[in-house]
Amino acid sequence: MKYTFDIVGVSPVLHFFNHEQENLQKPQSQGVEYLGTQICTLDAFLASVESVPDTGNWHLDKVVDTVIEFWLNNAETIQYWKTRLQDAGEDNLLVARLADIKSLQAEFESLLGKN
């Protein structure tokens, strides 16, 4: 299974929490998770990966490798989001998306009404 990891934005803690609670109530793709952290470090995102529900679909070693690869290859993007998080203040989280490629593609297609 191939995974993707990307930082998608900054969100107020309460908004992120409410979003996650709403997602628990509706059926959704098992292969897409949103992670939030208050600090922009590799260690913080690796720790947040541990919070991903163990549904048996995630290969943790590959997920960790994907996050590390993103971190090593995207220094400018990481610096940009680190600055945005600092600008937003302490009541905000940096949000990232972790997904297996096929589930992410299915999610995008459903948003476009192709399913």
Protein backbone atom coordinates (compact mmCIF):
# COMPACT_ATOMS: atom_id res chain seq x y z
CA MET A 1 0.00 0.00 0.00
CA LYS A 2 1.30 3.47 -0.87
CA TYR A 3 0.66 6.46 1.39
CA THR A 4 0.70 10.22 1.11
CA PHE A 5 1.24 12.83 3.79
CA ASP A 6 0.73 16.57 3.39
CA ILE A 7 0.22 19.57 5.62
CA VAL A 8 -3.14 21.09 4.70
CA GLY A 9 -3.54 24.09 6.98
CA VAL A 10 -3.97 25.71 10.36
CA SER A 11 -7.20 25.31 12.30
CA PRO A 12 -8.58 26.49 15.64
CA VAL A 13 -8.46 23.61 18.13
CA LEU A 14 -12.23 23.66 18.66
CA HIS A 15 -12.99 23.58 14.93
CA PHE A 16 -10.66 20.62 14.40
CA PHE A 17 -12.17 18.78 17.38
CA ASN A 18 -15.72 19.37 16.10
CA HIS A 19 -14.73 18.21 12.60
CA GLU A 20 -13.29 15.00 14.01
CA GLN A 21 -16.42 14.38 16.10
CA GLU A 22 -18.67 14.88 13.07
CA ASN A 23 -16.54 12.45 11.07
CA LEU A 24 -17.02 9.79 13.74
CA GLN A 25 -20.79 10.03 13.17
CA LYS A 26 -20.76 9.39 9.43
CA PRO A 27 -19.35 6.56 7.38
CA GLN A 28 -16.16 7.54 5.66
CA SER A 29 -13.14 6.17 3.97
CA GLN A 30 -10.95 4.12 6.28
CA GLY A 31 -7.83 5.22 4.45
CA VAL A 32 -7.86 8.99 5.09
CA GLU A 33 -7.02 10.56 8.46
CA TYR A 34 -6.48 14.14 9.53
CA LEU A 35 -3.87 14.79 12.21
CA GLY A 36 -3.44 17.88 14.34
CA THR A 37 -0.51 19.10 16.39
CA GLN A 38 0.27 22.31 18.25
CA ILE A 39 3.92 22.33 17.21
CA CYS A 40 5.46 21.93 13.79
CA THR A 41 8.05 19.22 14.34
CA LEU A 42 8.67 15.81 12.86
CA ASP A 43 8.43 14.25 16.32
CA ALA A 44 5.01 15.84 16.91
CA PHE A 45 3.62 14.43 13.66
CA LEU A 46 5.14 11.01 14.29
CA ALA A 47 3.45 11.02 17.71
CA SER A 48 0.15 12.01 16.10
CA VAL A 49 0.45 9.07 13.70
CA GLU A 50 0.22 6.81 16.74
CA SER A 51 -3.30 8.18 17.34
CA VAL A 52 -4.56 6.83 14.00
CA PRO A 53 -7.19 4.17 14.70
CA ASP A 54 -5.79 0.68 14.25
CA THR A 55 -8.28 -0.72 11.78
CA GLY A 56 -5.78 -3.17 10.37
CA ASN A 57 -5.49 -1.18 7.13
CA TRP A 58 -2.48 0.92 8.11
CA HIS A 59 1.07 -0.38 7.75
CA LEU A 60 2.68 1.72 10.46
CA ASP A 61 6.25 1.30 9.21
CA LYS A 62 5.29 2.59 5.75
CA VAL A 63 3.25 5.42 7.25
CA VAL A 64 6.19 6.55 9.38
CA ASP A 65 8.51 6.32 6.34
CA THR A 66 6.07 8.49 4.36
CA VAL A 67 5.97 11.18 7.04
CA ILE A 68 9.78 11.19 7.34
CA GLU A 69 10.19 11.34 3.56
CA PHE A 70 7.82 14.33 3.41
CA TRP A 71 9.81 16.04 6.15
CA LEU A 72 13.14 15.49 4.41
CA ASN A 73 11.94 16.68 0.99
CA ASN A 74 9.76 19.69 1.83
CA ALA A 75 11.78 22.08 4.00
CA GLU A 76 10.27 25.24 2.44
CA THR A 77 6.70 23.99 2.86
CA ILE A 78 7.36 23.02 6.46
CA GLN A 79 8.89 26.41 7.24
CA TYR A 80 5.90 28.14 5.63
CA TRP A 81 3.39 26.21 7.78
CA LYS A 82 5.51 26.61 10.90
CA THR A 83 5.34 30.38 10.42
CA ARG A 84 1.57 30.29 9.73
CA LEU A 85 1.03 28.28 12.92
CA GLN A 86 3.06 30.77 14.97
CA ASP A 87 1.13 33.67 13.41
CA ALA A 88 -2.20 32.01 14.26
CA GLY A 89 -1.48 31.77 17.99
CA GLU A 90 -1.59 29.10 20.63
CA ASP A 91 -5.26 28.10 20.27
CA ASN A 92 -4.60 26.60 16.83
CA LEU A 93 -3.35 23.35 15.38
CA LEU A 94 -1.35 22.50 12.33
CA VAL A 95 -3.42 19.98 10.36
CA ALA A 96 -2.02 17.28 8.09
CA ARG A 97 -3.67 14.62 5.96
CA LEU A 98 -2.44 11.05 5.97
CA ALA A 99 -3.97 8.74 3.39
CA ASP A 100 -3.46 5.71 1.29
CA ILE A 101 -3.46 6.79 -2.34
CA LYS A 102 -6.53 4.80 -3.42
CA SER A 103 -8.70 6.07 -0.56
CA LEU A 104 -7.65 9.65 -1.20
CA GLN A 105 -8.48 9.29 -4.88
CA ALA A 106 -11.91 7.87 -3.97
CA GLU A 107 -12.52 10.79 -1.59
CA PHE A 108 -11.65 13.34 -4.27
CA GLU A 109 -13.85 11.58 -6.82
CA SER A 110 -16.78 11.58 -4.40
CA LEU A 111 -16.31 15.32 -3.88
CA LEU A 112 -16.46 15.77 -7.66
CA GLY A 113 -19.58 13.60 -7.87
CA LYS A 114 -17.94 10.84 -9.88
CA ASN A 115 -19.12 8.04 -7.55
